[in-house]
C-alpha atoms as a PDB file:
ATOM      1  CA  MET A   1      19.626 -60.613  -3.750  1.00  0.00           C
ATOM      2  CA  VAL A   2      17.613 -58.023  -5.667  1.00  0.00           C
ATOM      3  CA  GLU A   3      13.869 -57.302  -5.565  1.00  0.00           C
ATOM      4  CA  LEU A   4      11.715 -55.438  -8.082  1.00  0.00           C
ATOM      5  CA  VAL A   5       9.411 -52.665  -6.816  1.00  0.00           C
ATOM      6  CA  LEU A   6       6.719 -51.363  -9.201  1.00  0.00           C
ATOM      7  CA  ILE A   7       4.676 -48.174  -8.749  1.00  0.00           C
ATOM      8  CA  PHE A   8       1.301 -47.930 -10.500  1.00  0.00           C
ATOM      9  CA  CYS A   9      -0.884 -44.792 -10.508  1.00  0.00           C
ATOM     10  CA  LEU A  10      -4.431 -44.200 -11.725  1.00  0.00           C
ATOM     11  CA  ALA A  11      -4.242 -43.376 -15.422  1.00  0.00           C
ATOM     12  CA  GLY A  12      -6.618 -40.392 -15.338  1.00  0.00           C
ATOM     13  CA  THR A  13      -5.349 -38.492 -12.329  1.00  0.00           C
ATOM     14  CA  GLY A  14      -2.098 -40.005 -11.128  1.00  0.00           C
ATOM     15  CA  ALA A  15      -3.162 -39.062  -7.609  1.00  0.00           C
ATOM     16  CA  SER A  16      -3.783 -42.573  -6.324  1.00  0.00           C
ATOM     17  CA  CYS A  17      -0.770 -44.877  -6.510  1.00  0.00           C
ATOM     18  CA  LYS A  18      -0.003 -48.447  -5.470  1.00  0.00           C
ATOM     19  CA  THR A  19       3.360 -50.026  -4.748  1.00  0.00           C
ATOM     20  CA  VAL A  20       3.627 -53.625  -5.906  1.00  0.00           C
ATOM     21  CA  ARG A  21       6.438 -56.029  -5.059  1.00  0.00           C
ATOM     22  CA  PRO A  22       5.942 -59.055  -7.304  1.00  0.00           C
ATOM     23  CA  ALA A  23       6.537 -62.329  -5.497  1.00  0.00           C
ATOM     24  CA  PHE A  24       9.022 -64.672  -7.148  1.00  0.00           C
ATOM     25  CA  GLU A  25      10.286 -68.045  -6.048  1.00  0.00           C
ATOM     26  CA  GLN A  26      13.801 -66.588  -6.069  1.00  0.00           C
ATOM     27  CA  PRO A  27      14.892 -62.942  -6.084  1.00  0.00           C
ATOM     28  CA  TYR A  28      16.888 -61.644  -9.031  1.00  0.00           C
ATOM     29  CA  PRO A  29      20.569 -62.644  -8.811  1.00  0.00           C
ATOM     30  CA  SER A  30      21.765 -59.178  -9.917  1.00  0.00           C
ATOM     31  CA  MET A  31      20.658 -55.599 -10.588  1.00  0.00           C
ATOM     32  CA  GLN A  32      21.182 -56.190 -14.305  1.00  0.00           C
ATOM     33  CA  ALA A  33      18.787 -59.164 -14.319  1.00  0.00           C
ATOM     34  CA  CYS A  34      16.181 -57.073 -12.491  1.00  0.00           C
ATOM     35  CA  PHE A  35      16.548 -54.119 -14.900  1.00  0.00           C
ATOM     36  CA  LEU A  36      16.307 -56.374 -17.951  1.00  0.00           C
ATOM     37  CA  GLN A  37      13.046 -57.987 -16.826  1.00  0.00           C
ATOM     38  CA  ALA A  38      11.303 -55.070 -15.092  1.00  0.00           C
ATOM     39  CA  GLN A  39       9.222 -53.844 -18.039  1.00  0.00           C
ATOM     40  CA  GLN A  40       8.009 -57.345 -18.901  1.00  0.00           C
ATOM     41  CA  VAL A  41       7.050 -58.056 -15.273  1.00  0.00           C
ATOM     42  CA  ALA A  42       5.216 -54.712 -15.030  1.00  0.00           C
ATOM     43  CA  SER A  43       3.287 -55.422 -18.222  1.00  0.00           C
ATOM     44  CA  GLN A  44       2.352 -58.878 -16.949  1.00  0.00           C
ATOM     45  CA  ALA A  45       1.174 -57.433 -13.618  1.00  0.00           C
ATOM     46  CA  LEU A  46      -1.066 -54.931 -15.415  1.00  0.00           C
ATOM     47  CA  SER A  47      -2.699 -57.682 -17.464  1.00  0.00           C
ATOM     48  CA  ASP A  48      -2.979 -60.270 -14.640  1.00  0.00           C
ATOM     49  CA  ARG A  49      -4.068 -58.252 -11.609  1.00  0.00           C
ATOM     50  CA  LEU A  50      -7.650 -57.023 -11.470  1.00  0.00           C
ATOM     51  CA  ASP A  51      -6.774 -54.507  -8.739  1.00  0.00           C
ATOM     52  CA  LEU A  52      -4.570 -52.652 -11.261  1.00  0.00           C
ATOM     53  CA  GLN A  53      -7.267 -52.030 -13.881  1.00  0.00           C
ATOM     54  CA  GLY A  54      -7.233 -48.341 -14.773  1.00  0.00           C
ATOM     55  CA  TYR A  55      -3.661 -47.920 -13.501  1.00  0.00           C
ATOM     56  CA  ARG A  56      -0.485 -47.207 -15.449  1.00  0.00           C
ATOM     57  CA  LEU A  57       3.135 -47.877 -14.611  1.00  0.00           C
ATOM     58  CA  ALA A  58       4.508 -44.713 -13.023  1.00  0.00           C
ATOM     59  CA  GLY A  59       7.907 -46.041 -11.998  1.00  0.00           C
ATOM     60  CA  TRP A  60       9.967 -48.968 -10.868  1.00  0.00           C
ATOM     61  CA  ARG A  61      13.196 -49.705  -9.076  1.00  0.00           C
ATOM     62  CA  CYS A  62      15.402 -52.625  -8.231  1.00  0.00           C
ATOM     63  CA  VAL A  63      16.349 -52.846  -4.571  1.00  0.00           C
ATOM     64  CA  SER A  64      19.353 -54.744  -3.266  1.00  0.00           C
ATOM     65  CA  GLY A  65      19.424 -56.670  -0.002  1.00  0.00           C
ATOM     66  CA  GLY A  66      15.693 -57.213   0.480  1.00  0.00           C
ATOM     67  CA  SER A  67      15.108 -53.664   1.768  1.00  0.00           C
ATOM     68  CA  ALA A  68      11.953 -53.429  -0.338  1.00  0.00           C
ATOM     69  CA  GLY A  69       9.881 -55.293   2.217  1.00  0.00           C
ATOM     70  CA  ALA A  70       7.524 -58.224   1.925  1.00  0.00           C
ATOM     71  CA  PRO A  71       6.084 -59.227  -1.456  1.00  0.00           C
ATOM     72  CA  THR A  72       2.497 -58.259  -2.284  1.00  0.00           C
END
């Protein structure tokens, strides 16, 4: 299984960053599925989560085998 890990940093400084692991009912079945949906999921997180106001997407990765840790 594959998990998506998003990294958001404050837009003005980039000094303060947050790692977000979106919780899904089922992990992505493949790396390709994760890569294809990552930008859409990141955009949705920025619009839905109040704790990400003022942040921008700084990076993301797809992690195989659940090594990304628990969802947040």
